[in-house]
N, C-alpha and C. Protein backbone atom coordinates (compact mmCIF):
# COMPACT_ATOMS: atom_id res chain seq x y z
N MET A 1 0.72 -1.32 -0.12
CA MET A 1 0.07 -0.29 0.04
C MET A 1 0.85 1.23 0.03
N GLN A 2 0.60 2.25 -0.66
CA GLN A 2 1.56 3.37 -1.01
C GLN A 2 1.41 4.17 0.19
N LYS A 3 2.01 5.11 0.86
CA LYS A 3 1.61 6.06 1.74
C LYS A 3 1.47 7.18 0.81
N ARG A 4 0.39 8.02 1.42
CA ARG A 4 -0.08 9.78 0.74
C ARG A 4 1.08 10.52 1.67
N SER A 5 1.79 11.20 1.15
CA SER A 5 2.67 12.20 2.20
C SER A 5 2.11 13.40 2.27
N GLY A 6 0.50 13.74 2.31
CA GLY A 6 -0.10 14.85 2.65
C GLY A 6 -0.33 14.79 4.40
N SER A 7 -1.12 15.65 5.06
CA SER A 7 -0.86 15.81 6.04
C SER A 7 -1.62 14.67 6.77
N ALA A 8 -1.28 14.07 7.78
CA ALA A 8 -1.93 13.00 8.51
C ALA A 8 -2.87 13.37 9.68
N ASP A 9 -2.99 14.40 10.07
CA ASP A 9 -3.83 14.94 11.02
C ASP A 9 -4.78 15.97 10.16
N LEU A 10 -5.90 15.89 9.98
CA LEU A 10 -6.65 16.86 9.41
C LEU A 10 -7.22 18.13 10.25
N GLU A 11 -6.84 18.08 11.45
CA GLU A 11 -7.67 18.84 12.46
C GLU A 11 -6.30 20.07 12.47
N ILE A 12 -5.29 19.54 12.36
CA ILE A 12 -4.29 20.78 12.60
C ILE A 12 -3.77 21.43 11.23
N CYS A 13 -3.90 22.77 12.09
CA CYS A 13 -4.46 24.06 10.91
C CYS A 13 -2.24 24.18 10.42
N PRO A 14 -2.05 24.09 9.11
CA PRO A 14 -1.15 24.36 8.59
C PRO A 14 -0.06 25.88 8.62
N VAL A 15 -0.66 26.47 9.22
CA VAL A 15 -0.18 27.82 9.26
C VAL A 15 -0.20 28.34 10.85
N PRO A 16 0.34 29.43 11.47
CA PRO A 16 -0.28 29.58 12.84
C PRO A 16 -1.35 30.40 12.77
N ASP A 17 -2.36 30.62 13.71
CA ASP A 17 -3.56 31.08 14.08
C ASP A 17 -3.57 32.69 13.78
N MET A 18 -2.77 33.23 13.80
CA MET A 18 -2.65 34.79 13.55
C MET A 18 -2.50 34.72 11.69
N PHE A 19 -1.80 34.06 11.13
CA PHE A 19 -1.93 33.98 9.48
C PHE A 19 -3.23 33.67 8.97
N LEU A 20 -4.05 32.68 9.48
CA LEU A 20 -5.06 32.17 9.53
C LEU A 20 -5.95 33.36 9.83
N LYS A 21 -5.86 34.15 10.69
CA LYS A 21 -6.81 35.09 10.72
C LYS A 21 -7.02 36.11 10.25
N ARG A 22 -5.48 36.56 9.74
CA ARG A 22 -5.47 37.95 8.35
C ARG A 22 -6.11 37.47 7.46
N LEU A 23 -5.95 35.74 6.87
CA LEU A 23 -6.67 35.32 5.58
C LEU A 23 -8.09 35.52 5.96
N VAL A 24 -8.78 34.81 6.98
CA VAL A 24 -10.32 35.11 6.85
C VAL A 24 -10.63 36.40 6.98
N ASP A 25 -10.03 37.51 7.13
CA ASP A 25 -10.36 38.78 7.74
C ASP A 25 -9.94 39.52 6.21
N ALA A 26 -9.41 39.02 5.44
CA ALA A 26 -8.98 39.31 4.01
C ALA A 26 -10.35 39.51 3.06
N GLY A 27 -10.07 40.48 2.55
CA GLY A 27 -10.96 40.06 1.26
C GLY A 27 -10.45 39.32 0.16
N ALA A 28 -11.78 38.97 -1.01
CA ALA A 28 -11.58 38.04 -1.86
C ALA A 28 -10.24 38.25 -2.44
N ALA A 29 -9.83 39.40 -2.78
CA ALA A 29 -8.95 39.64 -3.82
C ALA A 29 -7.43 39.42 -3.33
N ALA A 30 -7.45 39.28 -1.84
CA ALA A 30 -6.34 39.58 -1.02
C ALA A 30 -5.88 38.18 -0.54
N VAL A 31 -6.99 37.29 -0.61
CA VAL A 31 -6.54 35.41 -0.26
C VAL A 31 -5.44 35.36 -0.85
N ARG A 32 -5.66 35.23 -2.27
CA ARG A 32 -4.42 34.94 -2.92
C ARG A 32 -2.85 35.68 -2.90
N GLU A 33 -3.29 36.77 -2.73
CA GLU A 33 -1.81 37.38 -2.23
C GLU A 33 -1.16 36.99 -0.89
N ILE A 34 -1.97 37.06 -0.03
CA ILE A 34 -1.46 36.61 1.02
C ILE A 34 -1.05 35.14 1.14
N GLY A 35 -2.09 34.33 0.52
CA GLY A 35 -1.53 32.92 0.05
C GLY A 35 -0.21 32.79 -0.54
N ASP A 36 0.22 33.74 -0.98
CA ASP A 36 1.60 33.71 -2.22
C ASP A 36 2.91 33.48 -1.19
N GLN A 37 2.39 33.85 0.14
CA GLN A 37 3.53 34.46 0.86
C GLN A 37 4.16 32.73 1.25
N LEU A 38 3.48 31.99 1.10
CA LEU A 38 3.90 30.74 1.47
C LEU A 38 4.29 29.78 0.63
N PRO A 39 5.09 28.90 1.12
CA PRO A 39 5.93 27.54 0.21
C PRO A 39 4.76 26.78 -0.08
N GLU A 40 4.88 26.34 -1.28
CA GLU A 40 3.97 25.79 -2.39
C GLU A 40 3.53 24.61 -1.43
N ARG A 41 4.02 23.74 -0.65
CA ARG A 41 3.77 22.88 -0.16
C ARG A 41 2.59 22.93 0.94
N GLN A 42 2.92 24.45 2.00
CA GLN A 42 2.29 24.88 2.91
C GLN A 42 0.81 25.04 2.17
N ARG A 43 1.32 25.89 1.35
CA ARG A 43 -0.01 26.64 0.42
C ARG A 43 -0.98 25.38 0.15
N ALA A 44 -0.55 24.58 -0.77
CA ALA A 44 -1.57 23.26 -0.85
C ALA A 44 -2.35 22.94 0.33
N ALA A 45 -1.24 22.63 1.59
CA ALA A 45 -2.12 21.79 2.85
C ALA A 45 -3.01 22.84 2.96
N LEU A 46 -2.93 24.38 3.48
CA LEU A 46 -3.79 25.01 3.80
C LEU A 46 -4.94 25.41 2.67
N ALA A 47 -4.61 25.16 1.56
CA ALA A 47 -5.90 24.98 0.11
C ALA A 47 -6.84 23.81 1.01
N VAL A 48 -5.98 22.86 1.24
CA VAL A 48 -7.09 21.47 1.48
C VAL A 48 -7.65 21.64 2.86
N TYR A 49 -6.93 22.20 3.87
CA TYR A 49 -7.68 22.60 5.38
C TYR A 49 -8.89 23.38 5.03
N CYS A 50 -8.71 24.91 4.57
CA CYS A 50 -9.92 25.56 4.37
C CYS A 50 -10.58 25.08 3.88
N PHE A 51 -10.82 24.09 2.69
CA PHE A 51 -11.82 23.67 1.50
C PHE A 51 -12.35 22.55 2.62
N ARG A 52 -11.89 21.92 3.35
CA ARG A 52 -12.61 20.96 4.19
C ARG A 52 -13.79 21.45 5.51
N ARG A 53 -13.39 22.84 5.33
CA ARG A 53 -14.31 23.59 6.26
C ARG A 53 -15.43 24.48 5.76
N ALA A 54 -16.67 23.78 6.15
CA ALA A 54 -17.57 24.57 4.82
C ALA A 54 -17.78 26.02 4.96
N HIS A 55 -17.57 27.01 5.71
CA HIS A 55 -17.47 28.10 5.61
C HIS A 55 -16.25 28.92 5.08
N TRP A 56 -15.03 28.14 4.87
CA TRP A 56 -13.83 28.89 4.52
C TRP A 56 -13.85 28.07 3.20
N ARG A 57 -14.79 27.28 2.58
CA ARG A 57 -14.59 26.87 1.16
C ARG A 57 -13.97 27.66 0.01
N THR A 58 -14.80 28.92 -0.29
CA THR A 58 -14.42 29.79 -0.99
C THR A 58 -12.62 29.93 -0.91
N ILE A 59 -11.97 30.63 0.38
CA ILE A 59 -11.04 30.87 0.77
C ILE A 59 -10.22 29.40 0.15
N GLY A 60 -10.37 28.56 0.41
CA GLY A 60 -9.79 27.10 0.12
C GLY A 60 -9.96 26.89 -1.45
N LEU A 61 -10.43 27.34 -2.17
CA LEU A 61 -10.50 27.13 -3.28
C LEU A 61 -9.59 27.99 -4.27
N SER A 62 -9.97 29.62 -3.78
CA SER A 62 -8.72 30.41 -4.10
C SER A 62 -7.53 30.17 -3.83
N ILE A 63 -6.98 29.42 -2.64
CA ILE A 63 -5.37 29.52 -2.61
C ILE A 63 -5.07 28.18 -3.48
N ALA A 64 -6.17 27.18 -3.45
CA ALA A 64 -5.81 26.10 -4.39
C ALA A 64 -5.58 26.58 -6.15
N ALA A 65 -6.17 27.72 -6.52
CA ALA A 65 -6.10 28.05 -8.01
C ALA A 65 -4.51 28.46 -7.72
N ASP A 66 -3.86 28.50 -7.11
CA ASP A 66 -2.48 28.70 -7.06
C ASP A 66 -1.67 27.83 -6.70
N CYS A 67 -2.30 26.69 -6.48
CA CYS A 67 -1.28 25.62 -6.24
C CYS A 67 -1.33 24.28 -7.55
N SER A 68 -0.21 23.44 -7.48
CA SER A 68 -0.27 22.46 -8.78
C SER A 68 -1.14 21.30 -8.10
N ARG A 69 -1.64 20.75 -9.49
CA ARG A 69 -2.68 19.48 -8.91
C ARG A 69 -1.40 18.34 -8.80
N SER A 70 -0.39 18.40 -8.67
CA SER A 70 0.40 17.05 -7.94
C SER A 70 0.59 17.60 -6.13
N LEU A 71 0.85 18.88 -6.16
CA LEU A 71 0.59 19.14 -4.73
C LEU A 71 -0.54 18.53 -3.97
N LEU A 72 -1.65 19.15 -4.54
CA LEU A 72 -3.14 19.05 -3.95
C LEU A 72 -3.37 17.54 -4.09
N VAL A 73 -3.06 16.40 -4.96
CA VAL A 73 -3.19 15.13 -4.71
C VAL A 73 -2.58 14.58 -3.44
N ASP A 74 -1.00 15.05 -3.71
CA ASP A 74 -0.28 14.61 -2.49
C ASP A 74 -1.01 14.97 -1.34
N GLU A 75 -1.20 15.72 -1.09
CA GLU A 75 -1.95 16.22 0.68
C GLU A 75 -3.13 15.83 0.82
N ALA A 76 -4.16 15.56 -0.76
CA ALA A 76 -5.15 14.84 -0.02
C ALA A 76 -5.74 13.57 -0.98
N GLY A 77 -4.89 13.51 -1.83
CA GLY A 77 -5.45 12.52 -2.66
C GLY A 77 -6.57 12.80 -3.66
N TYR A 78 -7.36 11.71 -3.68
CA TYR A 78 -8.88 11.96 -4.56
C TYR A 78 -9.24 13.38 -4.74
N ALA A 79 -9.60 13.78 -3.36
CA ALA A 79 -10.03 14.88 -2.93
C ALA A 79 -9.19 16.17 -3.41
N GLY A 80 -8.19 15.77 -3.05
CA GLY A 80 -6.86 16.96 -3.82
C GLY A 80 -7.08 17.20 -5.31
N GLU A 81 -7.53 16.19 -5.99
CA GLU A 81 -8.06 16.00 -7.92
C GLU A 81 -9.00 16.76 -7.67
N GLN A 82 -10.05 16.78 -6.69
CA GLN A 82 -11.42 17.29 -7.07
C GLN A 82 -11.33 18.88 -6.66
N ILE A 83 -10.39 19.16 -5.84
CA ILE A 83 -10.21 20.03 -5.11
C ILE A 83 -9.63 21.34 -6.48
N TYR A 84 -8.63 20.66 -6.92
CA TYR A 84 -7.77 20.77 -8.32
C TYR A 84 -8.97 21.74 -9.33
N GLN A 85 -9.77 20.90 -9.34
CA GLN A 85 -10.81 21.14 -10.94
C GLN A 85 -11.42 21.98 -10.19
N LEU A 86 -12.21 22.11 -8.83
CA LEU A 86 -13.05 22.93 -8.62
C LEU A 86 -12.22 24.67 -8.73
N SER A 87 -11.00 24.63 -8.21
CA SER A 87 -10.80 25.90 -8.22
C SER A 87 -10.31 26.48 -9.99
N ARG A 88 -10.16 25.42 -10.39
CA ARG A 88 -10.16 26.04 -12.26
C ARG A 88 -11.07 26.26 -12.79
N GLN A 89 -12.53 25.89 -12.35
CA GLN A 89 -13.78 26.27 -12.76
C GLN A 89 -14.26 27.47 -12.20
N GLY A 90 -13.86 28.13 -10.93
CA GLY A 90 -13.91 28.80 -10.27
C GLY A 90 -15.18 28.97 -9.56
N ALA A 91 -15.40 27.48 -8.99
CA ALA A 91 -17.07 27.11 -8.02
C ALA A 91 -16.63 28.31 -7.02
N THR A 92 -17.75 28.58 -6.44
CA THR A 92 -18.03 29.50 -5.03
C THR A 92 -19.08 29.06 -4.56
N ASN A 93 -19.28 29.25 -3.49
CA ASN A 93 -20.55 28.77 -2.02
C ASN A 93 -21.85 29.72 -2.76
N GLU A 94 -21.75 30.72 -3.40
CA GLU A 94 -22.64 31.34 -3.79
C GLU A 94 -23.24 30.30 -5.18
N GLN A 95 -22.18 29.55 -5.83
CA GLN A 95 -23.22 28.92 -6.66
C GLN A 95 -23.40 27.38 -6.29
N ASP A 96 -22.76 27.24 -5.06
CA ASP A 96 -23.68 26.23 -4.35
C ASP A 96 -24.57 26.27 -3.71
N MET A 97 -24.58 27.45 -3.24
CA MET A 97 -26.08 27.85 -2.90
C MET A 97 -27.02 27.91 -3.38
N LYS A 98 -27.03 28.19 -4.80
CA LYS A 98 -28.08 28.20 -5.56
C LYS A 98 -28.38 27.12 -5.87
N GLN A 99 -27.82 25.85 -5.98
CA GLN A 99 -28.17 24.52 -6.49
C GLN A 99 -28.42 23.64 -5.30
N ARG A 100 -29.11 24.33 -3.85
CA ARG A 100 -29.23 24.04 -3.03
C ARG A 100 -31.08 23.97 -3.04
N PRO A 101 -31.90 22.97 -2.58
CA PRO A 101 -33.07 23.20 -2.72
C PRO A 101 -33.57 24.42 -1.22
N ARG A 102 -34.34 25.02 -1.70
CA ARG A 102 -34.91 26.12 -1.00
C ARG A 102 -34.93 25.73 0.60
N GLY A 103 -34.51 26.51 1.20
CA GLY A 103 -34.88 26.28 3.16
C GLY A 103 -33.77 25.83 3.48
N THR A 104 -32.87 24.89 2.99
CA THR A 104 -31.76 23.91 3.38
C THR A 104 -30.38 25.03 3.84
N ARG A 105 -29.46 24.81 4.52
CA ARG A 105 -28.64 25.44 4.56
C ARG A 105 -27.13 24.81 4.54
N PRO A 106 -26.16 25.44 4.31
CA PRO A 106 -24.79 24.74 4.31
C PRO A 106 -24.38 24.52 5.27
N PRO A 107 -23.55 23.09 5.32
CA PRO A 107 -23.19 22.58 6.66
C PRO A 107 -21.89 23.81 7.23
N VAL A 108 -22.06 23.63 8.64
CA VAL A 108 -21.16 24.68 9.21
C VAL A 108 -20.13 23.55 10.11
N SER A 109 -18.80 24.39 10.01
CA SER A 109 -17.79 23.30 10.54
C SER A 109 -17.17 24.50 11.43
N LEU A 110 -16.95 24.43 12.69
CA LEU A 110 -16.44 25.32 13.71
C LEU A 110 -14.48 25.27 13.80
N HIS A 111 -14.05 26.56 13.76
CA HIS A 111 -12.55 26.67 14.15
C HIS A 111 -12.58 27.62 14.85
N VAL A 112 -11.95 27.66 16.31
CA VAL A 112 -11.65 28.79 16.89
C VAL A 112 -10.30 29.24 16.58
N VAL A 113 -10.47 30.73 16.12
CA VAL A 113 -9.31 31.41 15.76
C VAL A 113 -8.22 32.33 17.02
């Protein structure tokens, strides 16, 4: 069985809390600029980390747009491939909301910064 080289613990944020807070507080245009400050592998780990949290999914896709396919796949396997594809399509939570049946809410994941 081949071992994946990505994050073993899905709950540990790959960046310091203050960096994550800056990212969350930033506008959509600034997210990619802030993400560009990270090394490529750490950026891919952060993209996967954010994407796995429903309320940060758009941030994750924005960061993933600057990641290589191979690093996202190394980080998250098949899910990394899906994140890569979605980031190239420009999918957003707003599009996701339009596809939901009326009256349903998106799932929420909690993270304290």
